[in-house]
N, C-alpha and C. Protein backbone atom coordinates (compact mmCIF):
# COMPACT_ATOMS: atom_id res chain seq x y z
N MET A 1 69.46 132.99 192.95
CA MET A 1 68.74 134.02 193.67
C MET A 1 67.34 133.52 194.05
N LYS A 2 66.72 132.82 193.12
CA LYS A 2 65.39 132.29 193.41
C LYS A 2 65.42 131.36 194.61
N GLU A 3 66.45 130.53 194.70
CA GLU A 3 66.55 129.59 195.82
C GLU A 3 66.79 130.32 197.13
N LEU A 4 67.62 131.34 197.12
CA LEU A 4 67.84 132.12 198.35
C LEU A 4 66.55 132.79 198.81
N VAL A 5 65.82 133.34 197.88
CA VAL A 5 64.54 133.98 198.20
C VAL A 5 63.54 132.95 198.73
N ARG A 6 63.53 131.76 198.12
CA ARG A 6 62.64 130.70 198.59
C ARG A 6 63.01 130.29 200.02
N GLN A 7 64.31 130.09 200.26
CA GLN A 7 64.76 129.70 201.60
C GLN A 7 64.41 130.75 202.65
N ALA A 8 64.39 132.00 202.25
CA ALA A 8 64.06 133.09 203.17
C ALA A 8 62.56 133.26 203.35
N GLY A 9 61.76 132.48 202.62
CA GLY A 9 60.30 132.57 202.73
C GLY A 9 59.75 133.85 202.13
N LEU A 10 60.41 134.37 201.12
CA LEU A 10 60.02 135.66 200.54
C LEU A 10 59.58 135.58 199.07
N THR A 11 59.21 134.40 198.61
CA THR A 11 58.90 134.24 197.18
C THR A 11 57.76 135.14 196.70
N THR A 12 56.82 135.46 197.57
CA THR A 12 55.70 136.31 197.14
C THR A 12 56.09 137.79 197.05
N GLN A 13 57.26 138.14 197.57
CA GLN A 13 57.69 139.54 197.57
C GLN A 13 58.62 139.89 196.42
N PHE A 14 59.04 138.88 195.65
CA PHE A 14 60.00 139.13 194.58
C PHE A 14 59.57 138.48 193.28
N TYR A 15 59.89 139.14 192.18
CA TYR A 15 59.77 138.55 190.85
C TYR A 15 61.17 138.58 190.26
N ILE A 16 61.71 137.42 189.97
CA ILE A 16 63.09 137.30 189.50
C ILE A 16 63.07 136.70 188.10
N ALA A 17 63.78 137.35 187.19
CA ALA A 17 63.86 136.87 185.81
C ALA A 17 65.30 137.04 185.32
N SER A 18 65.61 136.37 184.25
CA SER A 18 66.94 136.43 183.67
C SER A 18 66.82 136.74 182.18
N ALA A 19 67.72 137.58 181.68
CA ALA A 19 67.74 137.89 180.26
C ALA A 19 69.17 138.14 179.81
N ALA A 20 69.44 137.77 178.59
CA ALA A 20 70.77 137.98 178.00
C ALA A 20 70.84 139.38 177.39
N THR A 21 72.04 139.84 177.18
CA THR A 21 72.21 141.11 176.47
C THR A 21 72.49 140.88 174.99
N SER A 22 72.91 139.69 174.63
CA SER A 22 73.16 139.38 173.22
C SER A 22 72.09 138.42 172.72
N ARG A 23 72.13 138.14 171.44
CA ARG A 23 71.15 137.23 170.84
C ARG A 23 71.72 135.83 170.65
N GLU A 24 72.97 135.61 171.03
CA GLU A 24 73.66 134.35 170.77
C GLU A 24 72.95 133.11 171.32
N GLU A 25 72.42 133.21 172.51
CA GLU A 25 71.85 132.04 173.18
C GLU A 25 70.32 132.04 173.22
N ILE A 26 69.69 132.96 172.50
CA ILE A 26 68.22 133.06 172.52
C ILE A 26 67.61 131.68 172.22
N GLY A 27 66.69 131.28 173.08
CA GLY A 27 66.00 130.01 172.90
C GLY A 27 66.70 128.82 173.54
N ASN A 28 67.97 128.97 173.90
CA ASN A 28 68.71 127.86 174.48
C ASN A 28 68.41 127.69 175.97
N ASP A 29 68.57 126.46 176.44
CA ASP A 29 68.41 126.14 177.85
C ASP A 29 69.68 126.56 178.61
N THR A 30 69.65 126.46 179.90
CA THR A 30 70.79 126.75 180.77
C THR A 30 71.98 125.89 180.35
N HIS A 31 73.16 126.47 180.38
CA HIS A 31 74.39 125.77 180.01
C HIS A 31 74.56 124.50 180.86
N TRP A 32 75.04 123.42 180.25
CA TRP A 32 75.19 122.14 180.96
C TRP A 32 76.12 122.27 182.18
N GLY A 33 77.17 123.08 182.08
CA GLY A 33 78.09 123.25 183.20
C GLY A 33 77.42 123.93 184.39
N THR A 34 76.55 124.87 184.10
CA THR A 34 75.79 125.54 185.16
C THR A 34 74.83 124.56 185.81
N LYS A 35 74.14 123.77 185.00
CA LYS A 35 73.21 122.78 185.56
C LYS A 35 73.95 121.76 186.43
N GLU A 36 75.11 121.35 185.98
CA GLU A 36 75.91 120.40 186.76
C GLU A 36 76.28 120.99 188.13
N LYS A 37 76.69 122.24 188.15
CA LYS A 37 77.07 122.90 189.40
C LYS A 37 75.84 123.07 190.30
N LEU A 38 74.71 123.44 189.75
CA LEU A 38 73.48 123.59 190.55
C LEU A 38 73.06 122.26 191.16
N ARG A 39 73.16 121.18 190.39
CA ARG A 39 72.83 119.85 190.92
C ARG A 39 73.77 119.51 192.08
N GLU A 40 75.06 119.78 191.89
CA GLU A 40 76.06 119.49 192.92
C GLU A 40 75.74 120.22 194.22
N LYS A 41 75.22 121.44 194.11
CA LYS A 41 74.91 122.26 195.28
C LYS A 41 73.49 122.05 195.79
N GLY A 42 72.70 121.21 195.10
CA GLY A 42 71.33 120.94 195.54
C GLY A 42 70.38 122.09 195.28
N ILE A 43 70.67 122.87 194.28
CA ILE A 43 69.82 124.02 193.95
C ILE A 43 68.90 123.64 192.78
N PRO A 44 67.59 123.69 193.00
CA PRO A 44 66.66 123.30 191.94
C PRO A 44 66.64 124.30 190.79
N PHE A 45 66.34 123.79 189.61
CA PHE A 45 66.19 124.64 188.43
C PHE A 45 65.22 123.93 187.49
N SER A 46 64.70 124.66 186.55
CA SER A 46 63.80 124.07 185.57
C SER A 46 64.27 124.43 184.17
N LYS A 47 63.76 123.71 183.20
CA LYS A 47 64.09 123.98 181.80
C LYS A 47 63.63 125.40 181.47
N ARG A 48 64.44 126.08 180.68
CA ARG A 48 64.08 127.45 180.30
C ARG A 48 64.59 127.73 178.90
N GLN A 49 64.18 128.84 178.37
CA GLN A 49 64.67 129.31 177.07
C GLN A 49 65.18 130.73 177.26
N ALA A 50 66.43 130.94 176.91
CA ALA A 50 67.03 132.26 177.07
C ALA A 50 66.28 133.30 176.23
N VAL A 51 66.13 134.48 176.81
CA VAL A 51 65.53 135.63 176.12
C VAL A 51 66.50 136.80 176.21
N GLN A 52 66.30 137.77 175.36
CA GLN A 52 67.13 138.98 175.39
C GLN A 52 66.37 140.09 176.11
N ILE A 53 67.12 140.88 176.87
CA ILE A 53 66.53 142.04 177.54
C ILE A 53 65.94 142.98 176.49
N ARG A 54 64.84 143.64 176.86
CA ARG A 54 64.18 144.57 175.94
C ARG A 54 64.09 145.95 176.60
N LYS A 55 63.94 146.95 175.80
CA LYS A 55 63.87 148.32 176.29
C LYS A 55 62.79 148.48 177.36
N GLU A 56 61.64 147.86 177.16
CA GLU A 56 60.52 147.98 178.11
C GLU A 56 60.80 147.30 179.45
N ASP A 57 61.80 146.43 179.51
CA ASP A 57 62.16 145.80 180.78
C ASP A 57 62.67 146.82 181.79
N TYR A 58 63.24 147.89 181.32
CA TYR A 58 63.76 148.90 182.25
C TYR A 58 62.63 149.46 183.13
N ALA A 59 61.49 149.72 182.54
CA ALA A 59 60.35 150.23 183.31
C ALA A 59 59.72 149.14 184.17
N LYS A 60 59.82 147.89 183.76
CA LYS A 60 59.15 146.77 184.42
C LYS A 60 59.82 146.37 185.73
N TYR A 61 61.14 146.50 185.81
CA TYR A 61 61.88 145.98 186.97
C TYR A 61 62.44 147.09 187.84
N ASP A 62 62.54 146.80 189.14
CA ASP A 62 63.12 147.75 190.09
C ASP A 62 64.64 147.73 190.04
N TYR A 63 65.21 146.55 189.79
CA TYR A 63 66.66 146.38 189.72
C TYR A 63 67.00 145.55 188.50
N ILE A 64 68.07 145.95 187.82
CA ILE A 64 68.61 145.17 186.71
C ILE A 64 70.07 144.90 187.08
N ILE A 65 70.37 143.63 187.28
CA ILE A 65 71.67 143.23 187.80
C ILE A 65 72.51 142.63 186.67
N TYR A 66 73.76 143.06 186.60
CA TYR A 66 74.65 142.51 185.56
C TYR A 66 75.86 141.86 186.21
N PHE A 67 76.50 140.98 185.42
CA PHE A 67 77.68 140.25 185.90
C PHE A 67 78.99 140.90 185.50
N ASP A 68 79.01 141.59 184.36
CA ASP A 68 80.26 142.19 183.92
C ASP A 68 80.01 143.51 183.18
N ARG A 69 81.07 144.27 183.05
CA ARG A 69 80.99 145.61 182.47
C ARG A 69 80.42 145.60 181.05
N GLU A 70 80.79 144.59 180.28
CA GLU A 70 80.26 144.49 178.92
C GLU A 70 78.74 144.37 178.94
N ASN A 71 78.21 143.57 179.89
CA ASN A 71 76.75 143.45 180.02
C ASN A 71 76.12 144.79 180.38
N LYS A 72 76.78 145.55 181.28
CA LYS A 72 76.23 146.85 181.65
C LYS A 72 76.14 147.75 180.42
N ASP A 73 77.19 147.77 179.63
CA ASP A 73 77.19 148.61 178.43
C ASP A 73 76.05 148.21 177.49
N GLU A 74 75.84 146.91 177.32
CA GLU A 74 74.77 146.42 176.45
C GLU A 74 73.39 146.73 177.02
N ILE A 75 73.23 146.59 178.33
CA ILE A 75 71.95 146.93 178.97
C ILE A 75 71.61 148.39 178.69
N CYS A 76 72.58 149.27 178.87
CA CYS A 76 72.34 150.69 178.64
C CYS A 76 72.12 151.00 177.15
N ARG A 77 72.78 150.25 176.27
CA ARG A 77 72.57 150.43 174.83
C ARG A 77 71.13 150.06 174.48
N ILE A 78 70.63 148.96 175.04
CA ILE A 78 69.29 148.47 174.74
C ILE A 78 68.22 149.29 175.45
N CYS A 79 68.42 149.57 176.73
CA CYS A 79 67.38 150.20 177.56
C CYS A 79 67.48 151.72 177.63
N GLY A 80 68.63 152.27 177.28
CA GLY A 80 68.83 153.71 177.39
C GLY A 80 69.55 154.05 178.68
N ASP A 81 69.70 155.33 178.91
CA ASP A 81 70.40 155.80 180.11
C ASP A 81 69.73 155.28 181.37
N ASP A 82 70.53 155.02 182.37
CA ASP A 82 70.04 154.50 183.66
C ASP A 82 69.64 155.67 184.56
N LYS A 83 68.63 156.42 184.15
CA LYS A 83 68.21 157.62 184.88
C LYS A 83 67.66 157.30 186.26
N ALA A 84 67.06 156.12 186.43
CA ALA A 84 66.47 155.75 187.71
C ALA A 84 67.45 154.94 188.58
N HIS A 85 68.66 154.77 188.12
CA HIS A 85 69.72 154.06 188.87
C HIS A 85 69.28 152.64 189.26
N LYS A 86 68.80 151.91 188.27
CA LYS A 86 68.33 150.54 188.47
C LYS A 86 69.40 149.50 188.13
N VAL A 87 70.42 149.88 187.39
CA VAL A 87 71.40 148.94 186.86
C VAL A 87 72.60 148.86 187.81
N HIS A 88 72.87 147.63 188.31
CA HIS A 88 73.92 147.42 189.31
C HIS A 88 74.73 146.17 189.02
N ALA A 89 76.01 146.21 189.35
CA ALA A 89 76.87 145.03 189.28
C ALA A 89 76.52 144.11 190.45
N LEU A 90 76.36 142.82 190.18
CA LEU A 90 76.00 141.88 191.24
C LEU A 90 76.99 141.92 192.40
N LEU A 91 78.27 141.87 192.10
CA LEU A 91 79.26 141.80 193.17
C LEU A 91 79.38 143.10 193.96
N SER A 92 78.88 144.19 193.42
CA SER A 92 78.96 145.46 194.16
C SER A 92 78.18 145.40 195.47
N PHE A 93 77.14 144.57 195.53
CA PHE A 93 76.36 144.43 196.76
C PHE A 93 77.17 143.78 197.87
N ALA A 94 78.22 143.06 197.48
CA ALA A 94 79.11 142.42 198.45
C ALA A 94 80.37 143.25 198.68
N GLY A 95 80.40 144.45 198.14
CA GLY A 95 81.57 145.31 198.30
C GLY A 95 82.75 144.88 197.44
N ILE A 96 82.49 144.10 196.42
CA ILE A 96 83.55 143.60 195.53
C ILE A 96 83.42 144.34 194.20
N HIS A 97 84.50 144.91 193.74
CA HIS A 97 84.45 145.74 192.54
C HIS A 97 85.23 145.10 191.40
N ARG A 98 84.66 144.00 190.91
CA ARG A 98 85.18 143.30 189.74
C ARG A 98 84.03 142.54 189.10
N ASP A 99 84.26 142.04 187.90
CA ASP A 99 83.25 141.26 187.20
C ASP A 99 83.12 139.87 187.83
N VAL A 100 81.96 139.26 187.64
CA VAL A 100 81.76 137.86 187.98
C VAL A 100 82.63 137.04 187.02
N ALA A 101 83.32 136.05 187.54
CA ALA A 101 84.14 135.18 186.68
C ALA A 101 83.24 134.51 185.64
N ASP A 102 83.63 134.56 184.39
CA ASP A 102 82.81 134.03 183.30
C ASP A 102 83.33 132.66 182.86
N PRO A 103 82.55 131.59 183.14
CA PRO A 103 83.02 130.25 182.79
C PRO A 103 83.11 130.01 181.29
N TRP A 104 82.48 130.87 180.50
CA TRP A 104 82.59 130.76 179.05
C TRP A 104 84.06 130.87 178.64
N TYR A 105 84.79 131.73 179.36
CA TYR A 105 86.20 131.95 179.05
C TYR A 105 87.13 131.14 179.95
N THR A 106 86.74 130.94 181.21
CA THR A 106 87.63 130.29 182.18
C THR A 106 87.39 128.79 182.30
N GLY A 107 86.16 128.35 182.02
CA GLY A 107 85.79 126.96 182.24
C GLY A 107 85.65 126.63 183.72
N ASN A 108 85.77 127.63 184.58
CA ASN A 108 85.77 127.42 186.02
C ASN A 108 84.39 127.75 186.60
N PHE A 109 83.53 126.75 186.64
CA PHE A 109 82.18 126.95 187.16
C PHE A 109 82.18 127.09 188.67
N ASP A 110 83.23 126.58 189.34
CA ASP A 110 83.32 126.74 190.79
C ASP A 110 83.46 128.21 191.17
N GLN A 111 84.38 128.91 190.51
CA GLN A 111 84.58 130.33 190.81
C GLN A 111 83.35 131.16 190.46
N THR A 112 82.74 130.85 189.33
CA THR A 112 81.52 131.57 188.95
C THR A 112 80.43 131.35 189.98
N TYR A 113 80.25 130.10 190.41
CA TYR A 113 79.25 129.81 191.42
C TYR A 113 79.52 130.62 192.69
N GLU A 114 80.75 130.63 193.15
CA GLU A 114 81.10 131.37 194.36
C GLU A 114 80.81 132.86 194.20
N ASP A 115 81.16 133.42 193.05
CA ASP A 115 80.88 134.84 192.78
C ASP A 115 79.38 135.11 192.82
N VAL A 116 78.61 134.29 192.11
CA VAL A 116 77.16 134.51 192.03
C VAL A 116 76.52 134.29 193.39
N TRP A 117 76.92 133.25 194.11
CA TRP A 117 76.36 132.97 195.44
C TRP A 117 76.64 134.14 196.39
N THR A 118 77.88 134.61 196.39
CA THR A 118 78.26 135.74 197.25
C THR A 118 77.46 136.98 196.89
N GLY A 119 77.36 137.27 195.60
CA GLY A 119 76.62 138.44 195.15
C GLY A 119 75.14 138.35 195.46
N CYS A 120 74.55 137.19 195.24
CA CYS A 120 73.12 137.02 195.50
C CYS A 120 72.80 137.11 196.99
N GLN A 121 73.65 136.54 197.84
CA GLN A 121 73.42 136.66 199.28
C GLN A 121 73.45 138.13 199.71
N ALA A 122 74.42 138.87 199.20
CA ALA A 122 74.53 140.29 199.54
C ALA A 122 73.36 141.09 198.97
N LEU A 123 72.95 140.76 197.76
CA LEU A 123 71.81 141.43 197.14
C LEU A 123 70.54 141.18 197.95
N LEU A 124 70.32 139.94 198.36
CA LEU A 124 69.12 139.64 199.16
C LEU A 124 69.15 140.40 200.49
N LYS A 125 70.30 140.44 201.12
CA LYS A 125 70.42 141.19 202.38
C LYS A 125 70.06 142.66 202.15
N PHE A 126 70.55 143.24 201.06
CA PHE A 126 70.23 144.62 200.70
C PHE A 126 68.74 144.80 200.45
N LEU A 127 68.15 143.88 199.68
CA LEU A 127 66.73 143.99 199.33
C LEU A 127 65.83 143.79 200.55
N LYS A 128 66.22 142.91 201.46
CA LYS A 128 65.43 142.71 202.67
C LYS A 128 65.34 143.99 203.49
N LYS A 129 66.42 144.73 203.53
CA LYS A 129 66.39 146.04 204.24
C LYS A 129 65.45 147.00 203.54
N ASP A 130 65.38 146.86 202.21
CA ASP A 130 64.61 147.78 201.37
C ASP A 130 63.12 147.42 201.33
N THR A 131 62.78 146.12 201.58
CA THR A 131 61.40 145.68 201.36
C THR A 131 60.70 145.12 202.57
N VAL A 132 61.44 144.63 203.54
CA VAL A 132 60.79 143.94 204.67
C VAL A 132 60.56 144.90 205.80
């Protein structure tokens, strides 16, 4: 998403962050398979440490995007009810009503990349209508 926003010349209009819903990967860098796919596609990334979403993040962000239903349930457990309708499935912006393919279970980083790329392009198109 950061790369799409950069390519669109909109980096000053967005703040993009990532957080896990579980504590399993806290402190870990991006998965090696994800980094390999990003390199293959020429998408820059930097070293990072995974963090977990916090209750106060709900007030901080305009949109909270999830990849699968389990993540949505955990986001709502941590942040509370989605009274402001900020929590959305990534693929829903592309009119697709299923979870993002999870390479943790499938090992298929190609499908996950395609899902995320499709969802992020649709999300940016939606946000541009909302902000530009």
